[in-house]
Amino acid sequence: MEEYNEQEAYYQAKKRVEELKGFYWNVFSYIMVIPFLIFINYMTYWDFKWFWFPMFGWGIGLTFHALSVFYRGRFFGKEWEQRKMEEFLDKEKNERRRYE
C-alpha cells in the first residue's frame, strides 16, 4: 500500500490546475477568434466560406484537448501505464515461481 505523500499530492493538484487553465484558455481563444474569422470572411468574400476549415480543425483539437484533460488516464494515460506495469511484473513473478 502506498503512503500518502503531501508533496506529491500538491504537485499533482498543481499539474491538474495547469491543465484545466490551459484548456479554458484554449476555449476562450476559440470563442474569440472564430467569430473574428467569420467577420473577416464576411467582409472579404462571402461566396466561399473558408471559416469552416479553421472552425472544425480547431474544434477537433479542442475536443481532444478536453478528452485529455477531463478523461485523462482512462484510455491510455498514467492509470493504464500503471496497470500494464503491474501486469508485466506479476507475469514475471509467476514465471520465476514456476521455475523455482
N, C-alpha and C. Protein backbone atom coordinates (compact mmCIF):
# COMPACT_ATOMS: atom_id res chain seq x y z
N MET A 1 0.84 -1.18 0.00
CA MET A 1 0.00 0.00 0.00
C MET A 1 0.88 1.25 0.00
N GLU A 2 0.51 2.23 -0.79
CA GLU A 2 1.30 3.44 -0.89
C GLU A 2 1.01 4.38 0.28
N GLU A 3 2.05 5.06 0.71
CA GLU A 3 1.87 6.07 1.75
C GLU A 3 1.42 7.37 1.10
N TYR A 4 0.70 8.15 1.88
CA TYR A 4 0.25 9.45 1.41
C TYR A 4 1.43 10.41 1.44
N ASN A 5 1.74 10.98 0.31
CA ASN A 5 2.84 11.94 0.21
C ASN A 5 2.24 13.30 -0.11
N GLU A 6 2.31 14.20 0.86
CA GLU A 6 1.68 15.52 0.71
C GLU A 6 2.31 16.32 -0.41
N GLN A 7 3.61 16.21 -0.55
CA GLN A 7 4.30 16.96 -1.60
C GLN A 7 3.90 16.44 -2.99
N GLU A 8 3.78 15.15 -3.13
CA GLU A 8 3.36 14.57 -4.41
C GLU A 8 1.91 14.95 -4.72
N ALA A 9 1.06 14.94 -3.70
CA ALA A 9 -0.34 15.32 -3.88
C ALA A 9 -0.44 16.78 -4.31
N TYR A 10 0.38 17.64 -3.71
CA TYR A 10 0.40 19.06 -4.10
C TYR A 10 0.86 19.22 -5.54
N TYR A 11 1.90 18.48 -5.91
CA TYR A 11 2.40 18.55 -7.29
C TYR A 11 1.32 18.10 -8.28
N GLN A 12 0.62 17.02 -7.97
CA GLN A 12 -0.44 16.51 -8.85
C GLN A 12 -1.58 17.51 -8.96
N ALA A 13 -1.96 18.12 -7.84
CA ALA A 13 -3.04 19.11 -7.86
C ALA A 13 -2.64 20.33 -8.68
N LYS A 14 -1.40 20.76 -8.52
CA LYS A 14 -0.91 21.91 -9.28
C LYS A 14 -0.88 21.60 -10.78
N LYS A 15 -0.45 20.41 -11.11
CA LYS A 15 -0.42 19.98 -12.51
C LYS A 15 -1.83 19.94 -13.10
N ARG A 16 -2.77 19.45 -12.33
CA ARG A 16 -4.17 19.38 -12.77
C ARG A 16 -4.74 20.79 -13.00
N VAL A 17 -4.44 21.73 -12.11
CA VAL A 17 -4.91 23.10 -12.27
C VAL A 17 -4.32 23.72 -13.53
N GLU A 18 -3.05 23.46 -13.81
CA GLU A 18 -2.42 23.99 -15.02
C GLU A 18 -3.07 23.40 -16.28
N GLU A 19 -3.41 22.12 -16.25
CA GLU A 19 -4.09 21.51 -17.39
C GLU A 19 -5.46 22.15 -17.61
N LEU A 20 -6.21 22.33 -16.53
CA LEU A 20 -7.53 22.97 -16.65
C LEU A 20 -7.41 24.40 -17.15
N LYS A 21 -6.44 25.14 -16.63
CA LYS A 21 -6.25 26.51 -17.05
C LYS A 21 -5.90 26.58 -18.54
N GLY A 22 -5.05 25.68 -19.00
CA GLY A 22 -4.70 25.63 -20.43
C GLY A 22 -5.91 25.32 -21.29
N PHE A 23 -6.74 24.40 -20.83
CA PHE A 23 -7.95 24.07 -21.60
C PHE A 23 -8.90 25.26 -21.67
N TYR A 24 -9.13 25.93 -20.53
CA TYR A 24 -10.06 27.06 -20.53
C TYR A 24 -9.54 28.22 -21.37
N TRP A 25 -8.23 28.45 -21.39
CA TRP A 25 -7.67 29.48 -22.27
C TRP A 25 -7.88 29.10 -23.73
N ASN A 26 -7.76 27.81 -24.03
CA ASN A 26 -8.00 27.35 -25.39
C ASN A 26 -9.45 27.59 -25.80
N VAL A 27 -10.39 27.30 -24.92
CA VAL A 27 -11.81 27.54 -25.21
C VAL A 27 -12.07 29.04 -25.37
N PHE A 28 -11.51 29.85 -24.48
CA PHE A 28 -11.69 31.30 -24.56
C PHE A 28 -11.16 31.84 -25.89
N SER A 29 -9.98 31.43 -26.29
CA SER A 29 -9.42 31.93 -27.55
C SER A 29 -10.23 31.45 -28.74
N TYR A 30 -10.76 30.23 -28.67
CA TYR A 30 -11.62 29.71 -29.74
C TYR A 30 -12.86 30.59 -29.89
N ILE A 31 -13.47 30.91 -28.75
CA ILE A 31 -14.69 31.74 -28.76
C ILE A 31 -14.41 33.15 -29.28
N MET A 32 -13.21 33.65 -29.06
CA MET A 32 -12.87 35.00 -29.51
C MET A 32 -12.42 35.03 -30.97
N VAL A 33 -11.68 34.05 -31.41
CA VAL A 33 -11.06 34.09 -32.74
C VAL A 33 -12.03 33.66 -33.84
N ILE A 34 -12.80 32.62 -33.62
CA ILE A 34 -13.68 32.10 -34.69
C ILE A 34 -14.68 33.16 -35.15
N PRO A 35 -15.38 33.88 -34.27
CA PRO A 35 -16.27 34.95 -34.77
C PRO A 35 -15.50 36.03 -35.56
N PHE A 36 -14.28 36.32 -35.15
CA PHE A 36 -13.46 37.29 -35.88
C PHE A 36 -13.16 36.77 -37.29
N LEU A 37 -12.85 35.49 -37.41
CA LEU A 37 -12.59 34.91 -38.73
C LEU A 37 -13.85 34.92 -39.58
N ILE A 38 -14.99 34.65 -38.97
CA ILE A 38 -16.26 34.72 -39.70
C ILE A 38 -16.49 36.14 -40.21
N PHE A 39 -16.21 37.12 -39.37
CA PHE A 39 -16.36 38.52 -39.76
C PHE A 39 -15.43 38.87 -40.93
N ILE A 40 -14.18 38.43 -40.85
CA ILE A 40 -13.25 38.69 -41.95
C ILE A 40 -13.73 38.04 -43.22
N ASN A 41 -14.20 36.82 -43.13
CA ASN A 41 -14.71 36.12 -44.31
C ASN A 41 -15.93 36.84 -44.88
N TYR A 42 -16.79 37.32 -44.02
CA TYR A 42 -17.99 38.04 -44.46
C TYR A 42 -17.62 39.35 -45.17
N MET A 43 -16.63 40.05 -44.63
CA MET A 43 -16.25 41.34 -45.20
C MET A 43 -15.43 41.22 -46.48
N THR A 44 -14.76 40.12 -46.69
CA THR A 44 -13.90 39.99 -47.87
C THR A 44 -14.61 39.28 -49.02
N TYR A 45 -14.95 38.01 -48.85
CA TYR A 45 -15.54 37.26 -49.95
C TYR A 45 -16.45 36.19 -49.35
N TRP A 46 -17.73 36.50 -49.24
CA TRP A 46 -18.69 35.65 -48.55
C TRP A 46 -19.14 34.46 -49.40
N ASP A 47 -18.86 34.47 -50.70
CA ASP A 47 -19.28 33.35 -51.55
C ASP A 47 -18.57 32.04 -51.19
N PHE A 48 -17.32 32.14 -50.78
CA PHE A 48 -16.58 30.95 -50.32
C PHE A 48 -16.39 31.07 -48.81
N LYS A 49 -17.01 30.20 -48.10
CA LYS A 49 -17.00 30.26 -46.63
C LYS A 49 -15.84 29.43 -46.08
N TRP A 50 -14.65 30.04 -46.11
CA TRP A 50 -13.45 29.34 -45.66
C TRP A 50 -13.33 29.25 -44.15
N PHE A 51 -14.12 29.99 -43.40
CA PHE A 51 -14.02 29.97 -41.94
C PHE A 51 -14.36 28.61 -41.36
N TRP A 52 -15.07 27.76 -42.13
CA TRP A 52 -15.42 26.43 -41.64
C TRP A 52 -14.18 25.58 -41.37
N PHE A 53 -13.15 25.76 -42.18
CA PHE A 53 -11.94 24.94 -42.03
C PHE A 53 -11.24 25.16 -40.69
N PRO A 54 -10.92 26.41 -40.34
CA PRO A 54 -10.31 26.57 -39.01
C PRO A 54 -11.28 26.27 -37.87
N MET A 55 -12.57 26.52 -38.10
CA MET A 55 -13.54 26.26 -37.04
C MET A 55 -13.61 24.78 -36.72
N PHE A 56 -13.69 23.93 -37.74
CA PHE A 56 -13.75 22.48 -37.49
C PHE A 56 -12.40 21.92 -37.06
N GLY A 57 -11.32 22.40 -37.67
CA GLY A 57 -10.00 21.90 -37.29
C GLY A 57 -9.67 22.22 -35.84
N TRP A 58 -9.88 23.46 -35.45
CA TRP A 58 -9.62 23.86 -34.08
C TRP A 58 -10.61 23.18 -33.14
N GLY A 59 -11.83 22.99 -33.60
CA GLY A 59 -12.83 22.30 -32.77
C GLY A 59 -12.44 20.87 -32.48
N ILE A 60 -11.87 20.19 -33.47
CA ILE A 60 -11.41 18.82 -33.25
C ILE A 60 -10.26 18.81 -32.25
N GLY A 61 -9.33 19.76 -32.42
CA GLY A 61 -8.23 19.87 -31.46
C GLY A 61 -8.73 20.18 -30.06
N LEU A 62 -9.72 21.03 -29.97
CA LEU A 62 -10.31 21.38 -28.68
C LEU A 62 -10.99 20.16 -28.04
N THR A 63 -11.63 19.36 -28.86
CA THR A 63 -12.27 18.15 -28.36
C THR A 63 -11.24 17.18 -27.78
N PHE A 64 -10.13 16.98 -28.50
CA PHE A 64 -9.09 16.08 -27.99
C PHE A 64 -8.42 16.66 -26.74
N HIS A 65 -8.29 17.97 -26.70
CA HIS A 65 -7.74 18.62 -25.51
C HIS A 65 -8.67 18.37 -24.31
N ALA A 66 -9.98 18.50 -24.53
CA ALA A 66 -10.95 18.24 -23.46
C ALA A 66 -10.88 16.79 -23.00
N LEU A 67 -10.75 15.87 -23.94
CA LEU A 67 -10.65 14.45 -23.57
C LEU A 67 -9.40 14.19 -22.74
N SER A 68 -8.29 14.82 -23.12
CA SER A 68 -7.06 14.59 -22.36
C SER A 68 -7.13 15.22 -20.98
N VAL A 69 -7.86 16.32 -20.82
CA VAL A 69 -7.94 16.98 -19.52
C VAL A 69 -8.96 16.30 -18.61
N PHE A 70 -10.15 16.02 -19.14
CA PHE A 70 -11.22 15.52 -18.29
C PHE A 70 -11.30 14.00 -18.20
N TYR A 71 -10.72 13.30 -19.16
CA TYR A 71 -10.75 11.83 -19.13
C TYR A 71 -9.35 11.26 -19.12
N ARG A 72 -8.42 12.00 -18.53
CA ARG A 72 -7.03 11.54 -18.55
C ARG A 72 -6.88 10.25 -17.75
N GLY A 73 -6.10 9.38 -18.28
CA GLY A 73 -5.82 8.13 -17.58
C GLY A 73 -6.85 7.05 -17.79
N ARG A 74 -7.95 7.36 -18.43
CA ARG A 74 -8.98 6.33 -18.58
C ARG A 74 -8.75 5.47 -19.82
N PHE A 75 -8.03 6.00 -20.79
CA PHE A 75 -7.79 5.25 -22.01
C PHE A 75 -6.33 4.82 -22.08
N PHE A 76 -5.45 5.75 -22.32
CA PHE A 76 -4.03 5.44 -22.42
C PHE A 76 -3.22 6.43 -21.61
N GLY A 77 -3.59 6.62 -20.38
CA GLY A 77 -2.89 7.57 -19.53
C GLY A 77 -2.06 6.86 -18.48
N LYS A 78 -1.83 7.55 -17.38
CA LYS A 78 -0.99 7.03 -16.31
C LYS A 78 -1.58 5.79 -15.66
N GLU A 79 -2.90 5.77 -15.45
CA GLU A 79 -3.51 4.59 -14.83
C GLU A 79 -3.34 3.37 -15.70
N TRP A 80 -3.47 3.54 -17.00
CA TRP A 80 -3.29 2.42 -17.93
C TRP A 80 -1.85 1.94 -17.87
N GLU A 81 -0.90 2.88 -17.87
CA GLU A 81 0.51 2.51 -17.79
C GLU A 81 0.80 1.75 -16.50
N GLN A 82 0.24 2.22 -15.41
CA GLN A 82 0.46 1.57 -14.11
C GLN A 82 -0.12 0.16 -14.12
N ARG A 83 -1.32 -0.01 -14.66
CA ARG A 83 -1.93 -1.35 -14.73
C ARG A 83 -1.07 -2.30 -15.57
N LYS A 84 -0.58 -1.80 -16.71
CA LYS A 84 0.24 -2.65 -17.58
C LYS A 84 1.55 -3.02 -16.90
N MET A 85 2.17 -2.09 -16.20
CA MET A 85 3.41 -2.39 -15.50
C MET A 85 3.18 -3.45 -14.43
N GLU A 86 2.10 -3.30 -13.68
CA GLU A 86 1.79 -4.30 -12.66
C GLU A 86 1.49 -5.66 -13.29
N GLU A 87 0.82 -5.65 -14.42
CA GLU A 87 0.52 -6.90 -15.12
C GLU A 87 1.81 -7.61 -15.54
N PHE A 88 2.75 -6.87 -16.11
CA PHE A 88 4.02 -7.46 -16.53
C PHE A 88 4.85 -7.94 -15.35
N LEU A 89 4.84 -7.17 -14.26
CA LEU A 89 5.58 -7.60 -13.07
C LEU A 89 4.98 -8.86 -12.47
N ASP A 90 3.66 -8.94 -12.41
CA ASP A 90 3.01 -10.16 -11.90
C ASP A 90 3.31 -11.35 -12.79
N LYS A 91 3.30 -11.13 -14.09
CA LYS A 91 3.60 -12.22 -15.03
C LYS A 91 5.03 -12.71 -14.84
N GLU A 92 5.96 -11.78 -14.69
CA GLU A 92 7.36 -12.15 -14.48
C GLU A 92 7.54 -12.87 -13.15
N LYS A 93 6.85 -12.41 -12.11
CA LYS A 93 6.93 -13.03 -10.80
C LYS A 93 6.39 -14.47 -10.85
N ASN A 94 5.29 -14.66 -11.56
CA ASN A 94 4.71 -16.01 -11.68
C ASN A 94 5.63 -16.93 -12.47
N GLU A 95 6.31 -16.42 -13.48
CA GLU A 95 7.25 -17.25 -14.25
C GLU A 95 8.44 -17.66 -13.40
N ARG A 96 8.93 -16.78 -12.56
CA ARG A 96 10.04 -17.11 -11.67
C ARG A 96 9.64 -18.19 -10.69
N ARG A 97 8.42 -18.09 -10.13
CA ARG A 97 7.95 -19.10 -9.19
C ARG A 97 7.84 -20.46 -9.85
N ARG A 98 7.45 -20.46 -11.11
CA ARG A 98 7.26 -21.72 -11.82
C ARG A 98 8.60 -22.45 -12.00
N TYR A 99 9.69 -21.71 -12.16
CA TYR A 99 10.99 -22.32 -12.39
C TYR A 99 11.75 -22.60 -11.10
N GLU A 100 11.24 -22.17 -9.96
CA GLU A 100 11.94 -22.44 -8.69
C GLU A 100 11.62 -23.80 -8.16
